[in-house]
Protein backbone atom coordinates (compact mmCIF):
# COMPACT_ATOMS: atom_id res chain seq x y z
CA MET A 1 2.23 9.61 -29.13
CA PRO A 2 4.54 7.30 -27.22
CA PRO A 3 7.67 5.97 -28.92
CA LYS A 4 7.28 2.81 -30.87
CA ASP A 5 8.61 -0.54 -29.40
CA LEU A 6 11.96 -1.84 -30.51
CA PHE A 7 10.46 -4.57 -32.69
CA HIS A 8 7.39 -2.44 -33.78
CA ASP A 9 8.42 -2.46 -37.64
CA SER A 10 9.42 -6.21 -37.62
CA VAL A 11 5.98 -7.26 -36.12
CA LYS A 12 4.28 -4.87 -38.60
CA ARG A 13 6.00 -6.57 -41.52
CA ALA A 14 5.37 -10.16 -40.14
CA LEU A 15 1.71 -9.39 -39.90
CA GLU A 16 1.63 -8.05 -43.55
CA LYS A 17 3.42 -11.23 -44.66
CA ASP A 18 0.73 -13.22 -42.84
CA GLY A 19 -1.94 -11.37 -44.95
CA TRP A 20 -2.99 -8.68 -42.59
CA ALA A 21 -3.70 -5.22 -43.65
CA ILE A 22 -2.38 -2.60 -41.04
CA THR A 23 -5.25 -0.13 -40.32
CA HIS A 24 -3.68 1.75 -37.47
CA GLU A 25 -0.14 2.67 -36.38
CA GLN A 26 -0.39 3.32 -32.67
CA MET A 27 -4.18 2.84 -32.30
CA PRO A 28 -5.72 5.59 -30.09
CA LEU A 29 -7.93 4.83 -27.24
CA SER A 30 -9.36 7.70 -25.07
CA PHE A 31 -10.36 7.10 -21.46
CA GLU A 32 -10.77 9.26 -18.28
CA LEU A 33 -7.12 8.87 -17.56
CA GLY A 34 -6.18 10.16 -21.08
CA ASP A 35 -5.21 8.67 -24.16
CA MET A 36 -3.72 5.35 -24.62
CA TYR A 37 -2.05 3.91 -27.79
CA ILE A 38 -2.05 0.11 -28.80
CA ASP A 39 0.93 -0.46 -31.16
CA LEU A 40 -0.99 -1.74 -34.24
CA GLY A 41 -4.48 -2.39 -35.57
CA ALA A 42 -4.80 -4.80 -38.26
CA GLU A 43 -7.72 -6.36 -40.40
CA LYS A 44 -7.76 -9.47 -42.47
CA ILE A 45 -10.57 -10.38 -44.93
CA VAL A 46 -11.97 -13.78 -44.02
CA ALA A 47 -12.74 -15.69 -47.17
CA ALA A 48 -15.20 -18.10 -45.73
CA GLN A 49 -17.33 -15.28 -44.13
CA ARG A 50 -18.70 -11.93 -44.91
CA GLY A 51 -16.81 -9.32 -43.13
CA SER A 52 -13.35 -9.09 -41.68
CA GLU A 53 -11.40 -10.32 -38.69
CA LYS A 54 -10.02 -7.35 -36.72
CA ILE A 55 -7.12 -7.33 -34.22
CA ALA A 56 -5.16 -4.84 -31.95
CA VAL A 57 -1.59 -5.96 -31.21
CA GLU A 58 0.52 -4.72 -28.31
CA ILE A 59 4.10 -5.40 -29.03
CA LYS A 60 6.67 -6.30 -26.47
CA SER A 61 10.41 -6.82 -26.96
CA PHE A 62 11.45 -8.23 -23.57
CA VAL A 63 14.95 -6.94 -23.98
CA ARG A 64 15.33 -5.59 -20.40
CA ALA A 65 17.19 -7.64 -17.60
CA SER A 66 14.01 -8.43 -15.83
CA ALA A 67 11.46 -10.50 -17.76
CA ILE A 68 9.14 -10.61 -14.79
CA SER A 69 9.11 -6.95 -14.50
CA GLU A 70 8.42 -6.51 -18.30
CA PHE A 71 5.74 -9.02 -18.00
CA HIS A 72 4.00 -7.31 -15.20
CA THR A 73 4.06 -4.03 -17.27
CA ALA A 74 2.85 -5.84 -20.30
CA LEU A 75 0.12 -7.45 -18.29
CA GLY A 76 -1.06 -4.21 -17.01
CA GLN A 77 -1.23 -2.53 -20.32
CA PHE A 78 -2.98 -5.58 -21.95
CA PHE A 79 -5.73 -5.32 -19.25
CA ASN A 80 -6.22 -1.64 -19.72
CA TYR A 81 -6.34 -1.97 -23.43
CA ARG A 82 -8.58 -5.06 -23.43
CA PHE A 83 -11.09 -3.05 -21.39
CA ALA A 84 -10.80 0.00 -23.46
CA LEU A 85 -11.28 -2.05 -26.73
CA SER A 86 -14.37 -3.63 -25.26
CA GLU A 87 -16.13 -0.39 -25.05
CA GLN A 88 -14.70 1.45 -27.99
CA ASP A 89 -14.19 -1.26 -30.61
CA PRO A 90 -15.80 -4.50 -29.30
CA GLY A 91 -15.35 -6.41 -32.58
CA ARG A 92 -11.46 -6.13 -32.36
CA GLU A 93 -9.34 -8.89 -30.42
CA LEU A 94 -6.36 -7.83 -28.54
CA TYR A 95 -3.17 -9.89 -28.81
CA LEU A 96 0.11 -9.49 -27.05
CA ALA A 97 3.07 -9.99 -29.45
CA VAL A 98 6.36 -11.44 -27.94
CA PRO A 99 9.52 -12.69 -29.40
CA SER A 100 9.52 -16.39 -30.00
CA ASP A 101 12.68 -17.03 -27.97
CA THR A 102 11.15 -14.97 -25.02
CA TYR A 103 8.04 -17.19 -25.26
CA SER A 104 10.20 -20.38 -25.22
CA SER A 105 12.38 -19.27 -22.36
CA PHE A 106 9.82 -17.16 -20.13
CA PHE A 107 6.28 -17.68 -21.17
CA THR A 108 6.48 -21.47 -20.70
CA ILE A 109 6.96 -21.33 -17.01
CA ARG A 110 3.97 -22.42 -14.89
CA LEU A 111 3.25 -19.05 -13.35
CA VAL A 112 2.95 -17.36 -16.64
CA GLN A 113 1.04 -20.14 -18.29
CA ASN A 114 -1.56 -20.21 -15.63
CA MET A 115 -1.86 -16.30 -15.97
CA ILE A 116 -2.40 -16.85 -19.67
CA ARG A 117 -5.12 -19.41 -19.13
CA THR A 118 -6.72 -17.65 -16.26
CA TYR A 119 -6.85 -14.14 -17.88
CA GLY A 120 -7.63 -15.31 -21.48
CA LEU A 121 -4.40 -13.73 -22.94
CA LYS A 122 -4.02 -13.93 -26.81
CA LEU A 123 -0.60 -14.11 -28.07
CA ILE A 124 1.51 -13.80 -31.16
CA THR A 125 5.01 -15.06 -31.01
CA TYR A 126 7.26 -13.56 -33.85
CA ASN A 127 10.78 -13.77 -35.01
CA PRO A 128 12.12 -10.22 -35.13
CA LYS A 129 15.09 -11.18 -37.46
CA LEU A 130 13.08 -12.97 -40.10
CA GLU A 131 10.10 -10.69 -39.50
CA GLU A 132 7.63 -13.67 -39.39
CA ILE A 133 4.83 -14.85 -37.18
CA VAL A 134 5.87 -18.00 -35.56
CA GLU A 135 2.61 -18.93 -33.74
CA TRP A 136 -0.73 -17.61 -32.82
CA ILE A 137 -1.79 -18.70 -29.34
CA ARG A 138 -5.52 -18.25 -28.65
C-alpha cells in the first residue's frame, strides 16, 4: 500500500467528528494497471432515508512548492479513482479533501473554479490543526 498523506489522520478524525464511520483505510480498487488505493472510505447513516450515504475521500495536503503541479496530480488521481469507483462501487461518491487555506488561496482562482465546475469535482475543505471539516463543496 502507498504511504498515507501528511494529513490523513487529521481528515479521518474530522470526518468522524462530522458523524462519519470510517469503513476503509486506503480503500482498494483493482484495475488492469494494478491496484489503486483511495485514502478513506466512509459511511453515514441518513436519518431521513433508509440506507446510508457512502463516500470515498482522496486527501491532498498541498505542501509542495508548486500548487499547480499538485493540482494536476490530484486531478489525475481523482479522475482515475472516480472511473474505477463507478464500476466497482457505484453507490459511493468521491471527494477530494484539501486544506481550507489551500482552497482559499489556490482553489478560488478562475482556472481551478472552471475545472471544478466543468468536471464535477466534489470537495471537502478541512482544517488540519483543528481536525475539522470546514466545508462540503458539491
